[in-house]
Amino acid sequence: MNRLTEETIKQATVGKMMTCQEVSSYSPQEIREAISGLVAEHKTILAEALVEAGLALYPESEDILAIASLMAMQRQDWGQAASLLRSLIDQQGVNATPYSYIMLVRALRCNLEYAEALSICIDAHEKHPNHPDIDAEFKVLTSILGLKPYAEDDSLDSQDEDVLSPAALEKSDSSQSQKGREPKEATTSDQAK
């Protein structure tokens, strides 16, 4: 338990909450660790208060954005989690981790934003090709959306093909449009002619 965790619990036992000014003497990392410690002690309300203070003090800190998004996911506030995870990914820039993308995809999926989740999943795959968890999320989303991630051609070994590659997606799109142009079966009135 770090110093901030102890101080937060101590003040709460006498009916006080720490002010933003008091919390500002701690680093984002110390605040993140304190939030984790409070959650481990089942003091979620105090942890949420520290999340709010951390976001007010350090709105662009990766430490604060990461723990705040996890807290939002824990309370199933999918919209807030998605917003925080987008900010986290923006802050991480080219160093955005696969985990950040996966959590964003899951938050969007839980918020029933399947198309947006699929779009983020494809972006994540471009940055982290062949990551098993990103590929698994892609398969879940394509299943939910009723899309077929693999080409119809059984001669292709789907294990070897990158289903998120532009070529595979283009091939899937062209096979879908070909199906729409197949001739219709003749009706009985057409056969009588």
C-alpha atoms as a PDB file:
ATOM      1  CA  MET A   1       0.000   0.000   0.000  1.00  0.00           C
ATOM      2  CA  ASN A   2       1.528   3.308  -1.034  1.00  0.00           C
ATOM      3  CA  ARG A   3       1.451   6.563   0.905  1.00  0.00           C
ATOM      4  CA  LEU A   4      -1.462   8.018  -1.086  1.00  0.00           C
ATOM      5  CA  THR A   5      -3.588   4.902  -0.509  1.00  0.00           C
ATOM      6  CA  GLU A   6      -2.935   5.083   3.222  1.00  0.00           C
ATOM      7  CA  GLU A   7      -3.687   8.822   3.340  1.00  0.00           C
ATOM      8  CA  THR A   8      -6.923   8.391   1.362  1.00  0.00           C
ATOM      9  CA  ILE A   9      -8.143   5.612   3.665  1.00  0.00           C
ATOM     10  CA  LYS A  10      -7.074   7.555   6.770  1.00  0.00           C
ATOM     11  CA  GLN A  11      -9.014  10.661   5.718  1.00  0.00           C
ATOM     12  CA  ALA A  12     -12.054   8.597   4.699  1.00  0.00           C
ATOM     13  CA  THR A  13     -12.234   7.009   8.158  1.00  0.00           C
ATOM     14  CA  VAL A  14     -12.794  10.481   9.639  1.00  0.00           C
ATOM     15  CA  GLY A  15     -15.318  11.411   6.955  1.00  0.00           C
ATOM     16  CA  LYS A  16     -13.055  13.489   4.738  1.00  0.00           C
ATOM     17  CA  MET A  17     -12.000  13.211   1.124  1.00  0.00           C
ATOM     18  CA  MET A  18      -8.653  14.381  -0.155  1.00  0.00           C
ATOM     19  CA  THR A  19      -8.756  17.581  -2.172  1.00  0.00           C
ATOM     20  CA  CYS A  20      -7.301  17.905  -5.661  1.00  0.00           C
ATOM     21  CA  GLN A  21      -4.642  20.171  -4.162  1.00  0.00           C
ATOM     22  CA  GLU A  22      -3.581  17.420  -1.746  1.00  0.00           C
ATOM     23  CA  VAL A  23      -3.596  14.805  -4.519  1.00  0.00           C
ATOM     24  CA  SER A  24      -1.584  17.106  -6.817  1.00  0.00           C
ATOM     25  CA  SER A  25       1.564  16.457  -4.773  1.00  0.00           C
ATOM     26  CA  TYR A  26       1.543  12.879  -6.116  1.00  0.00           C
ATOM     27  CA  SER A  27       2.685  11.719  -9.562  1.00  0.00           C
ATOM     28  CA  PRO A  28       0.313  10.058 -12.044  1.00  0.00           C
ATOM     29  CA  GLN A  29       2.087   6.748 -11.376  1.00  0.00           C
ATOM     30  CA  GLU A  30       1.548   7.087  -7.619  1.00  0.00           C
ATOM     31  CA  ILE A  31      -2.132   7.916  -8.193  1.00  0.00           C
ATOM     32  CA  ARG A  32      -2.506   4.862 -10.473  1.00  0.00           C
ATOM     33  CA  GLU A  33      -0.885   2.633  -7.847  1.00  0.00           C
ATOM     34  CA  ALA A  34      -3.109   4.099  -5.123  1.00  0.00           C
ATOM     35  CA  ILE A  35      -6.233   3.448  -7.214  1.00  0.00           C
ATOM     36  CA  SER A  36      -5.111  -0.146  -7.753  1.00  0.00           C
ATOM     37  CA  GLY A  37      -4.468  -0.528  -4.039  1.00  0.00           C
ATOM     38  CA  LEU A  38      -7.884   0.851  -3.129  1.00  0.00           C
ATOM     39  CA  VAL A  39      -9.599  -1.516  -5.559  1.00  0.00           C
ATOM     40  CA  ALA A  40      -7.643  -4.421  -4.058  1.00  0.00           C
ATOM     41  CA  GLU A  41      -8.907  -3.308  -0.617  1.00  0.00           C
ATOM     42  CA  HIS A  42     -12.499  -3.233  -2.004  1.00  0.00           C
ATOM     43  CA  LYS A  43     -12.681   0.541  -1.537  1.00  0.00           C
ATOM     44  CA  THR A  44     -14.095   1.265  -4.977  1.00  0.00           C
ATOM     45  CA  ILE A  45     -15.777   4.564  -4.052  1.00  0.00           C
ATOM     46  CA  LEU A  46     -12.459   5.971  -2.817  1.00  0.00           C
ATOM     47  CA  ALA A  47     -10.732   4.629  -5.943  1.00  0.00           C
ATOM     48  CA  GLU A  48     -13.334   6.372  -8.139  1.00  0.00           C
ATOM     49  CA  ALA A  49     -12.727   9.640  -6.271  1.00  0.00           C
ATOM     50  CA  LEU A  50      -9.001   9.328  -6.959  1.00  0.00           C
ATOM     51  CA  VAL A  51      -9.743   8.559 -10.631  1.00  0.00           C
ATOM     52  CA  GLU A  52     -11.700  11.814 -10.881  1.00  0.00           C
ATOM     53  CA  ALA A  53      -8.920  13.756  -9.151  1.00  0.00           C
ATOM     54  CA  GLY A  54      -6.306  12.116 -11.380  1.00  0.00           C
ATOM     55  CA  LEU A  55      -8.238  12.966 -14.556  1.00  0.00           C
ATOM     56  CA  ALA A  56      -8.677  16.560 -13.377  1.00  0.00           C
ATOM     57  CA  LEU A  57      -4.976  16.928 -12.570  1.00  0.00           C
ATOM     58  CA  TYR A  58      -3.398  14.845 -15.334  1.00  0.00           C
ATOM     59  CA  PRO A  59      -5.920  14.471 -18.199  1.00  0.00           C
ATOM     60  CA  GLU A  60      -3.240  13.401 -20.672  1.00  0.00           C
ATOM     61  CA  SER A  61      -1.332  10.961 -18.467  1.00  0.00           C
ATOM     62  CA  GLU A  62      -1.165   7.426 -19.837  1.00  0.00           C
ATOM     63  CA  ASP A  63      -1.127   6.064 -16.261  1.00  0.00           C
ATOM     64  CA  ILE A  64      -4.324   7.902 -15.351  1.00  0.00           C
ATOM     65  CA  LEU A  65      -6.097   7.205 -18.654  1.00  0.00           C
ATOM     66  CA  ALA A  66      -5.272   3.487 -18.410  1.00  0.00           C
ATOM     67  CA  ILE A  67      -6.527   3.037 -14.845  1.00  0.00           C
ATOM     68  CA  ALA A  68      -9.559   5.294 -15.435  1.00  0.00           C
ATOM     69  CA  SER A  69     -10.558   3.228 -18.474  1.00  0.00           C
ATOM     70  CA  LEU A  70     -10.220   0.006 -16.475  1.00  0.00           C
ATOM     71  CA  MET A  71     -12.402   1.456 -13.726  1.00  0.00           C
ATOM     72  CA  ALA A  72     -15.012   2.482 -16.328  1.00  0.00           C
ATOM     73  CA  MET A  73     -14.987  -1.042 -17.744  1.00  0.00           C
ATOM     74  CA  GLN A  74     -15.333  -2.511 -14.253  1.00  0.00           C
ATOM     75  CA  ARG A  75     -18.504  -0.471 -13.670  1.00  0.00           C
ATOM     76  CA  GLN A  76     -19.647  -1.323 -17.230  1.00  0.00           C
ATOM     77  CA  ASP A  77     -19.710   2.302 -18.388  1.00  0.00           C
ATOM     78  CA  TRP A  78     -18.786   1.315 -21.954  1.00  0.00           C
ATOM     79  CA  GLY A  79     -19.147   4.790 -23.461  1.00  0.00           C
ATOM     80  CA  GLN A  80     -16.815   6.338 -20.873  1.00  0.00           C
ATOM     81  CA  ALA A  81     -14.374   3.451 -21.228  1.00  0.00           C
ATOM     82  CA  ALA A  82     -14.291   3.866 -25.020  1.00  0.00           C
ATOM     83  CA  SER A  83     -13.733   7.612 -24.715  1.00  0.00           C
ATOM     84  CA  LEU A  84     -10.875   7.157 -22.228  1.00  0.00           C
ATOM     85  CA  LEU A  85      -9.298   4.386 -24.316  1.00  0.00           C
ATOM     86  CA  ARG A  86      -9.403   6.587 -27.434  1.00  0.00           C
ATOM     87  CA  SER A  87      -7.596   9.303 -25.458  1.00  0.00           C
ATOM     88  CA  LEU A  88      -5.083   6.735 -24.219  1.00  0.00           C
ATOM     89  CA  ILE A  89      -4.386   5.496 -27.751  1.00  0.00           C
ATOM     90  CA  ASP A  90      -3.981   9.106 -28.932  1.00  0.00           C
ATOM     91  CA  GLN A  91      -1.476   9.731 -26.119  1.00  0.00           C
ATOM     92  CA  GLN A  92       0.423   6.535 -26.888  1.00  0.00           C
ATOM     93  CA  GLY A  93       0.584   7.445 -30.582  1.00  0.00           C
ATOM     94  CA  VAL A  94       2.748   5.036 -32.580  1.00  0.00           C
ATOM     95  CA  ASN A  95       3.519   3.196 -29.336  1.00  0.00           C
ATOM     96  CA  ALA A  96      -0.125   2.278 -28.704  1.00  0.00           C
ATOM     97  CA  THR A  97      -0.197  -1.251 -27.346  1.00  0.00           C
ATOM     98  CA  PRO A  98      -2.290  -4.115 -28.699  1.00  0.00           C
ATOM     99  CA  TYR A  99      -3.940  -4.271 -25.271  1.00  0.00           C
ATOM    100  CA  SER A 100      -5.188  -0.665 -25.591  1.00  0.00           C
ATOM    101  CA  TYR A 101      -6.796  -1.501 -28.929  1.00  0.00           C
ATOM    102  CA  ILE A 102      -8.263  -4.768 -27.666  1.00  0.00           C
ATOM    103  CA  MET A 103      -9.845  -3.047 -24.672  1.00  0.00           C
ATOM    104  CA  LEU A 104     -11.294  -0.333 -26.951  1.00  0.00           C
ATOM    105  CA  VAL A 105     -12.721  -2.968 -29.302  1.00  0.00           C
ATOM    106  CA  ARG A 106     -14.289  -4.789 -26.336  1.00  0.00           C
ATOM    107  CA  ALA A 107     -15.756  -1.587 -24.880  1.00  0.00           C
ATOM    108  CA  LEU A 108     -17.285  -0.726 -28.265  1.00  0.00           C
ATOM    109  CA  ARG A 109     -18.579  -4.267 -28.669  1.00  0.00           C
ATOM    110  CA  CYS A 110     -20.187  -4.178 -25.222  1.00  0.00           C
ATOM    111  CA  ASN A 111     -21.727  -0.816 -26.153  1.00  0.00           C
ATOM    112  CA  LEU A 112     -23.198  -2.548 -29.259  1.00  0.00           C
ATOM    113  CA  GLU A 113     -21.094  -0.405 -31.603  1.00  0.00           C
ATOM    114  CA  TYR A 114     -20.067  -3.370 -33.753  1.00  0.00           C
ATOM    115  CA  ALA A 115     -19.167  -1.525 -36.968  1.00  0.00           C
ATOM    116  CA  GLU A 116     -16.949   0.944 -35.094  1.00  0.00           C
ATOM    117  CA  ALA A 117     -15.373  -1.933 -33.155  1.00  0.00           C
ATOM    118  CA  LEU A 118     -14.601  -3.706 -36.442  1.00  0.00           C
ATOM    119  CA  SER A 119     -13.040  -0.539 -37.852  1.00  0.00           C
ATOM    120  CA  ILE A 120     -10.799  -0.173 -34.767  1.00  0.00           C
ATOM    121  CA  CYS A 121      -9.961  -3.878 -34.974  1.00  0.00           C
ATOM    122  CA  ILE A 122      -8.790  -3.479 -38.574  1.00  0.00           C
ATOM    123  CA  ASP A 123      -6.684  -0.436 -37.570  1.00  0.00           C
ATOM    124  CA  ALA A 124      -5.196  -2.449 -34.705  1.00  0.00           C
ATOM    125  CA  HIS A 125      -4.346  -5.287 -37.063  1.00  0.00           C
ATOM    126  CA  GLU A 126      -2.504  -2.900 -39.384  1.00  0.00           C
ATOM    127  CA  LYS A 127      -0.371  -1.721 -36.460  1.00  0.00           C
ATOM    128  CA  HIS A 128       0.012  -5.156 -34.826  1.00  0.00           C
ATOM    129  CA  PRO A 129      -0.270  -7.777 -37.591  1.00  0.00           C
ATOM    130  CA  ASN A 130      -1.047 -11.368 -36.617  1.00  0.00           C
ATOM    131  CA  HIS A 131      -1.648 -10.558 -32.939  1.00  0.00           C
ATOM    132  CA  PRO A 132      -3.749 -13.517 -31.731  1.00  0.00           C
ATOM    133  CA  ASP A 133      -6.077 -11.471 -29.501  1.00  0.00           C
ATOM    134  CA  ILE A 134      -6.744  -8.896 -32.215  1.00  0.00           C
ATOM    135  CA  ASP A 135      -7.420 -11.700 -34.698  1.00  0.00           C
ATOM    136  CA  ALA A 136      -9.785 -13.331 -32.172  1.00  0.00           C
ATOM    137  CA  GLU A 137     -11.700 -10.058 -31.750  1.00  0.00           C
ATOM    138  CA  PHE A 138     -11.934  -9.787 -35.543  1.00  0.00           C
ATOM    139  CA  LYS A 139     -13.455 -13.262 -35.762  1.00  0.00           C
ATOM    140  CA  VAL A 140     -15.995 -12.462 -33.029  1.00  0.00           C
ATOM    141  CA  LEU A 141     -17.003  -9.214 -34.724  1.00  0.00           C
ATOM    142  CA  THR A 142     -17.321 -10.712 -38.183  1.00  0.00           C
ATOM    143  CA  SER A 143     -19.479 -13.446 -36.695  1.00  0.00           C
ATOM    144  CA  ILE A 144     -21.713 -10.912 -34.916  1.00  0.00           C
ATOM    145  CA  LEU A 145     -22.032  -8.849 -38.098  1.00  0.00           C
ATOM    146  CA  GLY A 146     -22.696 -11.933 -40.218  1.00  0.00           C
ATOM    147  CA  LEU A 147     -19.588 -11.391 -42.334  1.00  0.00           C
ATOM    148  CA  LYS A 148     -17.417 -14.174 -43.693  1.00  0.00           C
ATOM    149  CA  PRO A 149     -13.769 -13.422 -42.950  1.00  0.00           C
ATOM    150  CA  TYR A 150     -12.476 -16.109 -45.309  1.00  0.00           C
ATOM    151  CA  ALA A 151     -12.826 -16.448 -49.050  1.00  0.00           C
ATOM    152  CA  GLU A 152     -15.372 -18.973 -50.368  1.00  0.00           C
ATOM    153  CA  ASP A 153     -12.634 -20.805 -52.295  1.00  0.00           C
ATOM    154  CA  ASP A 154     -12.006 -24.023 -50.355  1.00  0.00           C
ATOM    155  CA  SER A 155      -8.671 -24.487 -52.095  1.00  0.00           C
ATOM    156  CA  LEU A 156      -7.196 -21.712 -49.942  1.00  0.00           C
ATOM    157  CA  ASP A 157      -5.793 -22.738 -46.624  1.00  0.00           C
ATOM    158  CA  SER A 158      -7.365 -20.124 -44.351  1.00  0.00           C
ATOM    159  CA  GLN A 159      -4.685 -20.736 -41.737  1.00  0.00           C
ATOM    160  CA  ASP A 160      -2.050 -19.312 -44.080  1.00  0.00           C
ATOM    161  CA  GLU A 161      -4.039 -16.311 -45.284  1.00  0.00           C
ATOM    162  CA  ASP A 162      -4.086 -13.058 -43.340  1.00  0.00           C
ATOM    163  CA  VAL A 163      -7.846 -12.431 -43.195  1.00  0.00           C
ATOM    164  CA  LEU A 164      -7.379  -8.746 -42.386  1.00  0.00           C
ATOM    165  CA  SER A 165      -5.022  -7.997 -45.268  1.00  0.00           C
ATOM    166  CA  PRO A 166      -6.344  -5.581 -47.904  1.00  0.00           C
ATOM    167  CA  ALA A 167      -6.097  -8.334 -50.545  1.00  0.00           C
ATOM    168  CA  ALA A 168      -8.200 -10.766 -48.494  1.00  0.00           C
ATOM    169  CA  LEU A 169     -10.791  -8.096 -47.696  1.00  0.00           C
ATOM    170  CA  GLU A 170     -10.968  -7.076 -51.358  1.00  0.00           C
ATOM    171  CA  LYS A 171     -11.321 -10.725 -52.407  1.00  0.00           C
ATOM    172  CA  SER A 172     -14.134 -11.180 -49.869  1.00  0.00           C
ATOM    173  CA  ASP A 173     -15.878  -8.026 -51.136  1.00  0.00           C
ATOM    174  CA  SER A 174     -15.635  -9.123 -54.777  1.00  0.00           C
ATOM    175  CA  SER A 175     -16.979 -12.608 -54.004  1.00  0.00           C
ATOM    176  CA  GLN A 176     -19.922 -11.029 -52.167  1.00  0.00           C
ATOM    177  CA  SER A 177     -20.712  -8.727 -55.110  1.00  0.00           C
ATOM    178  CA  GLN A 178     -20.438 -11.665 -57.552  1.00  0.00           C
ATOM    179  CA  LYS A 179     -23.087 -13.517 -55.548  1.00  0.00           C
ATOM    180  CA  GLY A 180     -25.452 -10.589 -55.953  1.00  0.00           C
ATOM    181  CA  ARG A 181     -25.154 -10.808 -59.772  1.00  0.00           C
ATOM    182  CA  GLU A 182     -25.944 -14.513 -60.168  1.00  0.00           C
ATOM    183  CA  PRO A 183     -28.905 -15.097 -62.493  1.00  0.00           C
ATOM    184  CA  LYS A 184     -32.220 -15.754 -60.815  1.00  0.00           C
ATOM    185  CA  GLU A 185     -33.974 -19.054 -61.336  1.00  0.00           C
ATOM    186  CA  ALA A 186     -36.739 -18.962 -63.881  1.00  0.00           C
ATOM    187  CA  THR A 187     -40.236 -18.722 -62.454  1.00  0.00           C
ATOM    188  CA  THR A 188     -43.145 -20.804 -63.770  1.00  0.00           C
ATOM    189  CA  SER A 189     -44.486 -17.824 -65.706  1.00  0.00           C
ATOM    190  CA  ASP A 190     -41.073 -17.395 -67.405  1.00  0.00           C
ATOM    191  CA  GLN A 191     -41.010 -21.095 -68.274  1.00  0.00           C
ATOM    192  CA  ALA A 192     -44.461 -20.912 -69.893  1.00  0.00           C
ATOM    193  CA  LYS A 193     -43.190 -18.341 -72.399  1.00  0.00           C
END
